[in-house]
Amino acid sequence: AYHNIRDIDNALALFSDLRKRDPYRIENMDTYSNLLYVK
């Protein structure tokens, strides 16, 4: 949702936290990569 409104910093923080909690998760990681690409 934060990604969709271009609130990139909040979205990156949440995805980073998600990676720590579930490091083998693959779902939504393409969205995370879009944010890293933009930044």
PDB file of all heavy atoms in Angstrom:
ATOM      1  N   ALA A   1       0.834  -1.207   0.000  1.00  0.00           N
ATOM      2  CA  ALA A   1       0.000   0.000   0.000  1.00  0.00           C
ATOM      3  C   ALA A   1       0.868   1.257   0.000  1.00  0.00           C
ATOM      4  O   ALA A   1       0.612   2.201  -0.763  1.00  0.00           O
ATOM      5  CB  ALA A   1      -0.935  -0.010   1.207  1.00  0.00           C
ATOM      6  N   TYR A   2       1.902   1.277   0.834  1.00  0.00           N
ATOM      7  CA  TYR A   2       2.823   2.426   0.840  1.00  0.00           C
ATOM      8  C   TYR A   2       3.541   2.557  -0.505  1.00  0.00           C
ATOM      9  O   TYR A   2       3.779   3.665  -0.994  1.00  0.00           O
ATOM     10  CB  TYR A   2       3.839   2.286   1.966  1.00  0.00           C
ATOM     11  CG  TYR A   2       3.307   2.681   3.321  1.00  0.00           C
ATOM     12  CD1 TYR A   2       3.419   1.835   4.425  1.00  0.00           C
ATOM     13  CD2 TYR A   2       2.701   3.919   3.528  1.00  0.00           C
ATOM     14  CE1 TYR A   2       2.935   2.190   5.671  1.00  0.00           C
ATOM     15  CE2 TYR A   2       2.216   4.293   4.766  1.00  0.00           C
ATOM     16  CZ  TYR A   2       2.330   3.422   5.832  1.00  0.00           C
ATOM     17  OH  TYR A   2       1.844   3.797   7.063  1.00  0.00           O
ATOM     18  N   HIS A   3       3.885   1.408  -1.102  1.00  0.00           N
ATOM     19  CA  HIS A   3       4.513   1.428  -2.427  1.00  0.00           C
ATOM     20  C   HIS A   3       3.583   2.081  -3.453  1.00  0.00           C
ATOM     21  O   HIS A   3       4.018   2.863  -4.303  1.00  0.00           O
ATOM     22  CB  HIS A   3       4.847  -0.001  -2.842  1.00  0.00           C
ATOM     23  CG  HIS A   3       5.159  -0.184  -4.292  1.00  0.00           C
ATOM     24  ND1 HIS A   3       4.191  -0.502  -5.228  1.00  0.00           N
ATOM     25  CD2 HIS A   3       6.315  -0.094  -5.000  1.00  0.00           C
ATOM     26  CE1 HIS A   3       4.737  -0.589  -6.432  1.00  0.00           C
ATOM     27  NE2 HIS A   3       6.027  -0.345  -6.324  1.00  0.00           N
ATOM     28  N   ASN A   4       2.284   1.784  -3.360  1.00  0.00           N
ATOM     29  CA  ASN A   4       1.325   2.303  -4.331  1.00  0.00           C
ATOM     30  C   ASN A   4       1.157   3.820  -4.246  1.00  0.00           C
ATOM     31  O   ASN A   4       0.803   4.455  -5.240  1.00  0.00           O
ATOM     32  CB  ASN A   4      -0.034   1.626  -4.148  1.00  0.00           C
ATOM     33  CG  ASN A   4      -0.012   0.179  -4.609  1.00  0.00           C
ATOM     34  OD1 ASN A   4       0.967  -0.273  -5.196  1.00  0.00           O
ATOM     35  ND2 ASN A   4      -1.073  -0.549  -4.345  1.00  0.00           N
ATOM     36  N   ILE A   5       1.375   4.395  -3.059  1.00  0.00           N
ATOM     37  CA  ILE A   5       1.264   5.856  -2.931  1.00  0.00           C
ATOM     38  C   ILE A   5       2.648   6.510  -2.939  1.00  0.00           C
ATOM     39  O   ILE A   5       2.792   7.678  -2.584  1.00  0.00           O
ATOM     40  CB  ILE A   5       0.484   6.264  -1.660  1.00  0.00           C
ATOM     41  CG1 ILE A   5       1.129   5.680  -0.389  1.00  0.00           C
ATOM     42  CG2 ILE A   5      -0.973   5.883  -1.765  1.00  0.00           C
ATOM     43  CD1 ILE A   5       0.519   6.209   0.896  1.00  0.00           C
ATOM     44  N   ARG A   6       3.641   5.747  -3.351  1.00  0.00           N
ATOM     45  CA  ARG A   6       5.019   6.254  -3.514  1.00  0.00           C
ATOM     46  C   ARG A   6       5.610   6.775  -2.195  1.00  0.00           C
ATOM     47  O   ARG A   6       6.444   7.677  -2.202  1.00  0.00           O
ATOM     48  CB  ARG A   6       5.054   7.342  -4.590  1.00  0.00           C
ATOM     49  CG  ARG A   6       4.629   6.838  -5.956  1.00  0.00           C
ATOM     50  CD  ARG A   6       4.555   7.956  -6.982  1.00  0.00           C
ATOM     51  NE  ARG A   6       5.862   8.516  -7.270  1.00  0.00           N
ATOM     52  CZ  ARG A   6       6.727   8.003  -8.141  1.00  0.00           C
ATOM     53  NH1 ARG A   6       6.418   6.909  -8.801  1.00  0.00           N
ATOM     54  NH2 ARG A   6       7.881   8.592  -8.379  1.00  0.00           N
ATOM     55  N   ASP A   7       5.166   6.193  -1.075  1.00  0.00           N
ATOM     56  CA  ASP A   7       5.800   6.468   0.212  1.00  0.00           C
ATOM     57  C   ASP A   7       6.941   5.463   0.361  1.00  0.00           C
ATOM     58  O   ASP A   7       6.841   4.460   1.071  1.00  0.00           O
ATOM     59  CB  ASP A   7       4.780   6.337   1.349  1.00  0.00           C
ATOM     60  CG  ASP A   7       5.327   6.806   2.694  1.00  0.00           C
ATOM     61  OD1 ASP A   7       6.570   6.973   2.800  1.00  0.00           O
ATOM     62  OD2 ASP A   7       4.536   7.001   3.626  1.00  0.00           O
ATOM     63  N   ILE A   8       8.008   5.742  -0.344  1.00  0.00           N
ATOM     64  CA  ILE A   8       9.060   4.739  -0.543  1.00  0.00           C
ATOM     65  C   ILE A   8       9.783   4.402   0.749  1.00  0.00           C
ATOM     66  O   ILE A   8      10.085   3.229   1.017  1.00  0.00           O
ATOM     67  CB  ILE A   8      10.050   5.239  -1.617  1.00  0.00           C
ATOM     68  CG1 ILE A   8       9.317   5.375  -2.956  1.00  0.00           C
ATOM     69  CG2 ILE A   8      11.235   4.291  -1.758  1.00  0.00           C
ATOM     70  CD1 ILE A   8      10.140   5.992  -4.053  1.00  0.00           C
ATOM     71  N   ASP A   9      10.052   5.400   1.582  1.00  0.00           N
ATOM     72  CA  ASP A   9      10.812   5.142   2.807  1.00  0.00           C
ATOM     73  C   ASP A   9      10.064   4.204   3.752  1.00  0.00           C
ATOM     74  O   ASP A   9      10.643   3.260   4.301  1.00  0.00           O
ATOM     75  CB  ASP A   9      11.129   6.463   3.509  1.00  0.00           C
ATOM     76  CG  ASP A   9      12.119   7.310   2.713  1.00  0.00           C
ATOM     77  OD1 ASP A   9      12.894   6.720   1.941  1.00  0.00           O
ATOM     78  OD2 ASP A   9      12.100   8.539   2.849  1.00  0.00           O
ATOM     79  N   ASN A  10       8.759   4.462   3.964  1.00  0.00           N
ATOM     80  CA  ASN A  10       7.966   3.582   4.830  1.00  0.00           C
ATOM     81  C   ASN A  10       7.860   2.177   4.240  1.00  0.00           C
ATOM     82  O   ASN A  10       7.937   1.183   4.974  1.00  0.00           O
ATOM     83  CB  ASN A  10       6.564   4.162   5.036  1.00  0.00           C
ATOM     84  CG  ASN A  10       6.498   5.100   6.224  1.00  0.00           C
ATOM     85  OD1 ASN A  10       7.217   4.922   7.206  1.00  0.00           O
ATOM     86  ND2 ASN A  10       5.663   6.110   6.135  1.00  0.00           N
ATOM     87  N   ALA A  11       7.668   2.092   2.935  1.00  0.00           N
ATOM     88  CA  ALA A  11       7.564   0.780   2.297  1.00  0.00           C
ATOM     89  C   ALA A  11       8.867  -0.003   2.434  1.00  0.00           C
ATOM     90  O   ALA A  11       8.859  -1.199   2.744  1.00  0.00           O
ATOM     91  CB  ALA A  11       7.198   0.953   0.822  1.00  0.00           C
ATOM     92  N   LEU A  12      10.004   0.666   2.215  1.00  0.00           N
ATOM     93  CA  LEU A  12      11.300  -0.006   2.354  1.00  0.00           C
ATOM     94  C   LEU A  12      11.524  -0.494   3.781  1.00  0.00           C
ATOM     95  O   LEU A  12      12.034  -1.601   3.990  1.00  0.00           O
ATOM     96  CB  LEU A  12      12.421   0.946   1.945  1.00  0.00           C
ATOM     97  CG  LEU A  12      12.671   1.124   0.443  1.00  0.00           C
ATOM     98  CD1 LEU A  12      13.695   2.227   0.203  1.00  0.00           C
ATOM     99  CD2 LEU A  12      13.155  -0.183  -0.180  1.00  0.00           C
ATOM    100  N   ALA A  13      11.140   0.327   4.755  1.00  0.00           N
ATOM    101  CA  ALA A  13      11.319  -0.069   6.159  1.00  0.00           C
ATOM    102  C   ALA A  13      10.504  -1.315   6.480  1.00  0.00           C
ATOM    103  O   ALA A  13      10.986  -2.233   7.162  1.00  0.00           O
ATOM    104  CB  ALA A  13      10.923   1.090   7.070  1.00  0.00           C
ATOM    105  N   LEU A  14       9.278  -1.373   5.983  1.00  0.00           N
ATOM    106  CA  LEU A  14       8.423  -2.535   6.255  1.00  0.00           C
ATOM    107  C   LEU A  14       8.945  -3.788   5.556  1.00  0.00           C
ATOM    108  O   LEU A  14       8.958  -4.876   6.142  1.00  0.00           O
ATOM    109  CB  LEU A  14       6.993  -2.240   5.800  1.00  0.00           C
ATOM    110  CG  LEU A  14       6.188  -1.324   6.722  1.00  0.00           C
ATOM    111  CD1 LEU A  14       4.901  -0.876   6.047  1.00  0.00           C
ATOM    112  CD2 LEU A  14       5.860  -2.043   8.029  1.00  0.00           C
ATOM    113  N   PHE A  15       9.383  -3.657   4.315  1.00  0.00           N
ATOM    114  CA  PHE A  15       9.929  -4.818   3.607  1.00  0.00           C
ATOM    115  C   PHE A  15      11.223  -5.303   4.256  1.00  0.00           C
ATOM    116  O   PHE A  15      11.477  -6.509   4.331  1.00  0.00           O
ATOM    117  CB  PHE A  15      10.178  -4.481   2.140  1.00  0.00           C
ATOM    118  CG  PHE A  15       8.977  -4.678   1.259  1.00  0.00           C
ATOM    119  CD1 PHE A  15       8.463  -3.633   0.502  1.00  0.00           C
ATOM    120  CD2 PHE A  15       8.356  -5.921   1.189  1.00  0.00           C
ATOM    121  CE1 PHE A  15       7.359  -3.820  -0.312  1.00  0.00           C
ATOM    122  CE2 PHE A  15       7.248  -6.117   0.368  1.00  0.00           C
ATOM    123  CZ  PHE A  15       6.753  -5.064  -0.374  1.00  0.00           C
ATOM    124  N   SER A  16      12.033  -4.373   4.729  1.00  0.00           N
ATOM    125  CA  SER A  16      13.263  -4.764   5.412  1.00  0.00           C
ATOM    126  C   SER A  16      12.944  -5.541   6.688  1.00  0.00           C
ATOM    127  O   SER A  16      13.574  -6.568   6.986  1.00  0.00           O
ATOM    128  CB  SER A  16      14.085  -3.512   5.743  1.00  0.00           C
ATOM    129  OG  SER A  16      15.268  -3.849   6.429  1.00  0.00           O
ATOM    130  N   ASP A  17      11.944  -5.070   7.431  1.00  0.00           N
ATOM    131  CA  ASP A  17      11.505  -5.774   8.645  1.00  0.00           C
ATOM    132  C   ASP A  17      10.943  -7.150   8.289  1.00  0.00           C
ATOM    133  O   ASP A  17      11.189  -8.146   8.987  1.00  0.00           O
ATOM    134  CB  ASP A  17      10.458  -4.931   9.375  1.00  0.00           C
ATOM    135  CG  ASP A  17       9.903  -5.631  10.606  1.00  0.00           C
ATOM    136  OD1 ASP A  17      10.688  -5.932  11.523  1.00  0.00           O
ATOM    137  OD2 ASP A  17       8.683  -5.895  10.644  1.00  0.00           O
ATOM    138  N   LEU A  18      10.199  -7.206   7.186  1.00  0.00           N
ATOM    139  CA  LEU A  18       9.614  -8.474   6.752  1.00  0.00           C
ATOM    140  C   LEU A  18      10.701  -9.486   6.402  1.00  0.00           C
ATOM    141  O   LEU A  18      10.582 -10.677   6.710  1.00  0.00           O
ATOM    142  CB  LEU A  18       8.714  -8.216   5.540  1.00  0.00           C
ATOM    143  CG  LEU A  18       7.791  -9.342   5.087  1.00  0.00           C
ATOM    144  CD1 LEU A  18       6.775  -9.693   6.162  1.00  0.00           C
ATOM    145  CD2 LEU A  18       7.073  -8.940   3.806  1.00  0.00           C
ATOM    146  N   ARG A  19      11.776  -9.023   5.764  1.00  0.00           N
ATOM    147  CA  ARG A  19      12.887  -9.909   5.418  1.00  0.00           C
ATOM    148  C   ARG A  19      13.565 -10.474   6.671  1.00  0.00           C
ATOM    149  O   ARG A  19      14.005 -11.628   6.679  1.00  0.00           O
ATOM    150  CB  ARG A  19      13.920  -9.148   4.586  1.00  0.00           C
ATOM    151  CG  ARG A  19      13.481  -8.829   3.186  1.00  0.00           C
ATOM    152  CD  ARG A  19      13.752  -9.966   2.225  1.00  0.00           C
ATOM    153  NE  ARG A  19      15.177 -10.197   2.045  1.00  0.00           N
ATOM    154  CZ  ARG A  19      15.703 -11.314   1.540  1.00  0.00           C
ATOM    155  NH1 ARG A  19      14.924 -12.306   1.196  1.00  0.00           N
ATOM    156  NH2 ARG A  19      17.003 -11.433   1.398  1.00  0.00           N
ATOM    157  N   LYS A  20      13.633  -9.664   7.724  1.00  0.00           N
ATOM    158  CA  LYS A  20      14.236 -10.145   8.969  1.00  0.00           C
ATOM    159  C   LYS A  20      13.351 -11.184   9.640  1.00  0.00           C
ATOM    160  O   LYS A  20      13.833 -12.179  10.186  1.00  0.00           O
ATOM    161  CB  LYS A  20      14.474  -8.968   9.915  1.00  0.00           C
ATOM    162  CG  LYS A  20      15.561  -8.009   9.447  1.00  0.00           C
ATOM    163  CD  LYS A  20      15.663  -6.806  10.357  1.00  0.00           C
ATOM    164  CE  LYS A  20      16.689  -5.804   9.831  1.00  0.00           C
ATOM    165  NZ  LYS A  20      16.708  -4.559  10.647  1.00  0.00           N
ATOM    166  N   ARG A  21      12.043 -10.955   9.601  1.00  0.00           N
ATOM    167  CA  ARG A  21      11.105 -11.868  10.249  1.00  0.00           C
ATOM    168  C   ARG A  21      10.929 -13.163   9.469  1.00  0.00           C
ATOM    169  O   ARG A  21      10.693 -14.225  10.053  1.00  0.00           O
ATOM    170  CB  ARG A  21       9.743 -11.181  10.424  1.00  0.00           C
ATOM    171  CG  ARG A  21       9.775 -10.044  11.425  1.00  0.00           C
ATOM    172  CD  ARG A  21       8.512  -9.191  11.371  1.00  0.00           C
ATOM    173  NE  ARG A  21       7.299  -9.946  11.643  1.00  0.00           N
ATOM    174  CZ  ARG A  21       6.091  -9.399  11.712  1.00  0.00           C
ATOM    175  NH1 ARG A  21       5.935  -8.101  11.509  1.00  0.00           N
ATOM    176  NH2 ARG A  21       5.029 -10.134  11.973  1.00  0.00           N
ATOM    177  N   ASP A  22      10.990 -13.068   8.138  1.00  0.00           N
ATOM    178  CA  ASP A  22      10.735 -14.231   7.278  1.00  0.00           C
ATOM    179  C   ASP A  22      11.751 -14.206   6.128  1.00  0.00           C
ATOM    180  O   ASP A  22      11.423 -13.876   4.989  1.00  0.00           O
ATOM    181  CB  ASP A  22       9.304 -14.157   6.743  1.00  0.00           C
ATOM    182  CG  ASP A  22       8.850 -15.468   6.103  1.00  0.00           C
ATOM    183  OD1 ASP A  22       9.682 -16.392   6.017  1.00  0.00           O
ATOM    184  OD2 ASP A  22       7.685 -15.556   5.689  1.00  0.00           O
ATOM    185  N   PRO A  23      13.024 -14.565   6.414  1.00  0.00           N
ATOM    186  CA  PRO A  23      14.097 -14.374   5.420  1.00  0.00           C
ATOM    187  C   PRO A  23      13.955 -15.223   4.166  1.00  0.00           C
ATOM    188  O   PRO A  23      14.591 -14.931   3.156  1.00  0.00           O
ATOM    189  CB  PRO A  23      15.363 -14.745   6.194  1.00  0.00           C
ATOM    190  CG  PRO A  23      14.893 -15.606   7.320  1.00  0.00           C
ATOM    191  CD  PRO A  23      13.532 -15.108   7.681  1.00  0.00           C
ATOM    192  N   TYR A  24      13.149 -16.278   4.208  1.00  0.00           N
ATOM    193  CA  TYR A  24      12.994 -17.139   3.037  1.00  0.00           C
ATOM    194  C   TYR A  24      11.692 -16.849   2.280  1.00  0.00           C
ATOM    195  O   TYR A  24      11.316 -17.602   1.383  1.00  0.00           O
ATOM    196  CB  TYR A  24      13.057 -18.616   3.441  1.00  0.00           C
ATOM    197  CG  TYR A  24      14.427 -19.009   3.927  1.00  0.00           C
ATOM    198  CD1 TYR A  24      14.735 -19.008   5.282  1.00  0.00           C
ATOM    199  CD2 TYR A  24      15.435 -19.346   3.029  1.00  0.00           C
ATOM    200  CE1 TYR A  24      16.005 -19.333   5.722  1.00  0.00           C
ATOM    201  CE2 TYR A  24      16.699 -19.681   3.463  1.00  0.00           C
ATOM    202  CZ  TYR A  24      16.975 -19.667   4.815  1.00  0.00           C
ATOM    203  OH  TYR A  24      18.244 -19.990   5.249  1.00  0.00           O
ATOM    204  N   ARG A  25      11.038 -15.770   2.623  1.00  0.00           N
ATOM    205  CA  ARG A  25       9.812 -15.383   1.926  1.00  0.00           C
ATOM    206  C   ARG A  25      10.157 -14.864   0.527  1.00  0.00           C
ATOM    207  O   ARG A  25      11.083 -14.070   0.361  1.00  0.00           O
ATOM    208  CB  ARG A  25       9.083 -14.295   2.717  1.00  0.00           C
ATOM    209  CG  ARG A  25       7.783 -13.810   2.070  1.00  0.00           C
ATOM    210  CD  ARG A  25       7.213 -12.601   2.792  1.00  0.00           C
ATOM    211  NE  ARG A  25       5.992 -12.136   2.160  1.00  0.00           N
ATOM    212  CZ  ARG A  25       4.776 -12.504   2.494  1.00  0.00           C
ATOM    213  NH1 ARG A  25       4.612 -13.342   3.495  1.00  0.00           N
ATOM    214  NH2 ARG A  25       3.711 -12.039   1.862  1.00  0.00           N
ATOM    215  N   ILE A  26       9.399 -15.302  -0.471  1.00  0.00           N
ATOM    216  CA  ILE A  26       9.611 -14.846  -1.847  1.00  0.00           C
ATOM    217  C   ILE A  26       8.457 -13.960  -2.327  1.00  0.00           C
ATOM    218  O   ILE A  26       8.662 -13.058  -3.133  1.00  0.00           O
ATOM    219  CB  ILE A  26       9.796 -16.053  -2.794  1.00  0.00           C
ATOM    220  CG1 ILE A  26      11.085 -16.802  -2.422  1.00  0.00           C
ATOM    221  CG2 ILE A  26       9.861 -15.612  -4.246  1.00  0.00           C
ATOM    222  CD1 ILE A  26      11.377 -18.000  -3.295  1.00  0.00           C
ATOM    223  N   GLU A  27       7.259 -14.193  -1.790  1.00  0.00           N
ATOM    224  CA  GLU A  27       6.128 -13.376  -2.199  1.00  0.00           C
ATOM    225  C   GLU A  27       6.384 -11.893  -1.935  1.00  0.00           C
ATOM    226  O   GLU A  27       6.939 -11.529  -0.907  1.00  0.00           O
ATOM    227  CB  GLU A  27       4.841 -13.780  -1.449  1.00  0.00           C
ATOM    228  CG  GLU A  27       4.322 -15.153  -1.786  1.00  0.00           C
ATOM    229  CD  GLU A  27       4.886 -16.210  -0.871  1.00  0.00           C
ATOM    230  OE1 GLU A  27       5.956 -15.977  -0.269  1.00  0.00           O
ATOM    231  OE2 GLU A  27       4.260 -17.286  -0.755  1.00  0.00           O
ATOM    232  N   ASN A  28       5.994 -11.052  -2.878  1.00  0.00           N
ATOM    233  CA  ASN A  28       6.093  -9.588  -2.788  1.00  0.00           C
ATOM    234  C   ASN A  28       7.511  -9.052  -2.900  1.00  0.00           C
ATOM    235  O   ASN A  28       7.718  -7.836  -2.856  1.00  0.00           O
ATOM    236  CB  ASN A  28       5.458  -9.053  -1.483  1.00  0.00           C
ATOM    237  CG  ASN A  28       4.052  -9.525  -1.269  1.00  0.00           C
ATOM    238  OD1 ASN A  28       3.768 -10.262  -0.327  1.00  0.00           O
ATOM    239  ND2 ASN A  28       3.148  -9.093  -2.143  1.00  0.00           N
ATOM    240  N   MET A  29       8.506  -9.945  -3.047  1.00  0.00           N
ATOM    241  CA  MET A  29       9.876  -9.443  -3.124  1.00  0.00           C
ATOM    242  C   MET A  29      10.155  -8.710  -4.436  1.00  0.00           C
ATOM    243  O   MET A  29      11.072  -7.904  -4.509  1.00  0.00           O
ATOM    244  CB  MET A  29      10.868 -10.593  -2.936  1.00  0.00           C
ATOM    245  CG  MET A  29      10.933 -11.141  -1.515  1.00  0.00           C
ATOM    246  SD  MET A  29      11.408  -9.901  -0.286  1.00  0.00           S
ATOM    247  CE  MET A  29       9.846  -9.647   0.571  1.00  0.00           C
ATOM    248  N   ASP A  30       9.351  -8.977  -5.461  1.00  0.00           N
ATOM    249  CA  ASP A  30       9.505  -8.201  -6.689  1.00  0.00           C
ATOM    250  C   ASP A  30       9.086  -6.747  -6.467  1.00  0.00           C
ATOM    251  O   ASP A  30       9.692  -5.820  -7.014  1.00  0.00           O
ATOM    252  CB  ASP A  30       8.709  -8.827  -7.835  1.00  0.00           C
ATOM    253  CG  ASP A  30       7.267  -9.107  -7.470  1.00  0.00           C
ATOM    254  OD1 ASP A  30       6.961  -9.251  -6.267  1.00  0.00           O
ATOM    255  OD2 ASP A  30       6.420  -9.191  -8.382  1.00  0.00           O
ATOM    256  N   THR A  31       8.069  -6.536  -5.621  1.00  0.00           N
ATOM    257  CA  THR A  31       7.675  -5.167  -5.258  1.00  0.00           C
ATOM    258  C   THR A  31       8.787  -4.489  -4.468  1.00  0.00           C
ATOM    259  O   THR A  31       9.092  -3.305  -4.677  1.00  0.00           O
ATOM    260  CB  THR A  31       6.375  -5.188  -4.437  1.00  0.00           C
ATOM    261  OG1 THR A  31       5.354  -5.870  -5.167  1.00  0.00           O
ATOM    262  CG2 THR A  31       5.904  -3.767  -4.123  1.00  0.00           C
ATOM    263  N   TYR A  32       9.400  -5.238  -3.555  1.00  0.00           N
ATOM    264  CA  TYR A  32      10.534  -4.714  -2.792  1.00  0.00           C
ATOM    265  C   TYR A  32      11.667  -4.303  -3.739  1.00  0.00           C
ATOM    266  O   TYR A  32      12.287  -3.247  -3.588  1.00  0.00           O
ATOM    267  CB  TYR A  32      10.999  -5.788  -1.811  1.00  0.00           C
ATOM    268  CG  TYR A  32      12.125  -5.397  -0.884  1.00  0.00           C
ATOM    269  CD1 TYR A  32      12.306  -4.076  -0.464  1.00  0.00           C
ATOM    270  CD2 TYR A  32      13.013  -6.353  -0.408  1.00  0.00           C
ATOM    271  CE1 TYR A  32      13.330  -3.722   0.391  1.00  0.00           C
ATOM    272  CE2 TYR A  32      14.043  -6.015   0.454  1.00  0.00           C
ATOM    273  CZ  TYR A  32      14.205  -4.703   0.841  1.00  0.00           C
ATOM    274  OH  TYR A  32      15.234  -4.351   1.697  1.00  0.00           O
ATOM    275  N   SER A  33      11.904  -5.133  -4.763  1.00  0.00           N
ATOM    276  CA  SER A  33      12.976  -4.809  -5.700  1.00  0.00           C
ATOM    277  C   SER A  33      12.647  -3.554  -6.515  1.00  0.00           C
ATOM    278  O   SER A  33      13.551  -2.796  -6.888  1.00  0.00           O
ATOM    279  CB  SER A  33      13.240  -5.992  -6.636  1.00  0.00           C
ATOM    280  OG  SER A  33      12.211  -6.153  -7.592  1.00  0.00           O
ATOM    281  N   ASN A  34      11.351  -3.322  -6.794  1.00  0.00           N
ATOM    282  CA  ASN A  34      10.961  -2.087  -7.480  1.00  0.00           C
ATOM    283  C   ASN A  34      11.357  -0.855  -6.668  1.00  0.00           C
ATOM    284  O   ASN A  34      11.824   0.151  -7.211  1.00  0.00           O
ATOM    285  CB  ASN A  34       9.443  -2.062  -7.719  1.00  0.00           C
ATOM    286  CG  ASN A  34       8.986  -3.105  -8.710  1.00  0.00           C
ATOM    287  OD1 ASN A  34       9.786  -3.635  -9.473  1.00  0.00           O
ATOM    288  ND2 ASN A  34       7.708  -3.418  -8.693  1.00  0.00           N
ATOM    289  N   LEU A  35      11.163  -0.946  -5.354  1.00  0.00           N
ATOM    290  CA  LEU A  35      11.506   0.173  -4.464  1.00  0.00           C
ATOM    291  C   LEU A  35      13.016   0.394  -4.434  1.00  0.00           C
ATOM    292  O   LEU A  35      13.487   1.543  -4.480  1.00  0.00           O
ATOM    293  CB  LEU A  35      10.981  -0.108  -3.055  1.00  0.00           C
ATOM    294  CG  LEU A  35       9.456  -0.174  -2.914  1.00  0.00           C
ATOM    295  CD1 LEU A  35       9.080  -0.835  -1.598  1.00  0.00           C
ATOM    296  CD2 LEU A  35       8.850   1.222  -2.993  1.00  0.00           C
ATOM    297  N   LEU A  36      13.775  -0.694  -4.346  1.00  0.00           N
ATOM    298  CA  LEU A  36      15.232  -0.572  -4.354  1.00  0.00           C
ATOM    299  C   LEU A  36      15.716   0.006  -5.689  1.00  0.00           C
ATOM    300  O   LEU A  36      16.666   0.785  -5.727  1.00  0.00           O
ATOM    301  CB  LEU A  36      15.871  -1.945  -4.120  1.00  0.00           C
ATOM    302  CG  LEU A  36      15.604  -2.579  -2.748  1.00  0.00           C
ATOM    303  CD1 LEU A  36      16.148  -4.009  -2.705  1.00  0.00           C
ATOM    304  CD2 LEU A  36      16.230  -1.752  -1.630  1.00  0.00           C
ATOM    305  N   TYR A  37      15.032  -0.355  -6.761  1.00  0.00           N
ATOM    306  CA  TYR A  37      15.363   0.175  -8.087  1.00  0.00           C
ATOM    307  C   TYR A  37      15.140   1.684  -8.134  1.00  0.00           C
ATOM    308  O   TYR A  37      16.004   2.436  -8.608  1.00  0.00           O
ATOM    309  CB  TYR A  37      14.491  -0.529  -9.123  1.00  0.00           C
ATOM    310  CG  TYR A  37      14.716  -0.084 -10.556  1.00  0.00           C
ATOM    311  CD1 TYR A  37      15.571  -0.790 -11.392  1.00  0.00           C
ATOM    312  CD2 TYR A  37      14.062   1.035 -11.072  1.00  0.00           C
ATOM    313  CE1 TYR A  37      15.777  -0.395 -12.701  1.00  0.00           C
ATOM    314  CE2 TYR A  37      14.268   1.444 -12.378  1.00  0.00           C
ATOM    315  CZ  TYR A  37      15.119   0.728 -13.184  1.00  0.00           C
ATOM    316  OH  TYR A  37      15.318   1.130 -14.476  1.00  0.00           O
ATOM    317  N   VAL A  38      13.995   2.127  -7.631  1.00  0.00           N
ATOM    318  CA  VAL A  38      13.668   3.555  -7.655  1.00  0.00           C
ATOM    319  C   VAL A  38      14.674   4.359  -6.834  1.00  0.00           C
ATOM    320  O   VAL A  38      15.076   5.472  -7.212  1.00  0.00           O
ATOM    321  CB  VAL A  38      12.228   3.784  -7.136  1.00  0.00           C
ATOM    322  CG1 VAL A  38      11.951   5.267  -6.911  1.00  0.00           C
ATOM    323  CG2 VAL A  38      11.219   3.211  -8.116  1.00  0.00           C
ATOM    324  N   LYS A  39      15.107   3.803  -5.707  1.00  0.00           N
ATOM    325  CA  LYS A  39      16.067   4.492  -4.830  1.00  0.00           C
ATOM    326  C   LYS A  39      17.517   4.277  -5.272  1.00  0.00           C
ATOM    327  O   LYS A  39      18.445   4.743  -4.611  1.00  0.00           O
ATOM    328  CB  LYS A  39      15.901   4.010  -3.385  1.00  0.00           C
ATOM    329  CG  LYS A  39      14.560   4.359  -2.763  1.00  0.00           C
ATOM    330  CD  LYS A  39      14.391   5.848  -2.532  1.00  0.00           C
ATOM    331  CE  LYS A  39      15.092   6.303  -1.288  1.00  0.00           C
ATOM    332  NZ  LYS A  39      14.803   7.713  -0.957  1.00  0.00           N
TER     333      LYS A  39
END
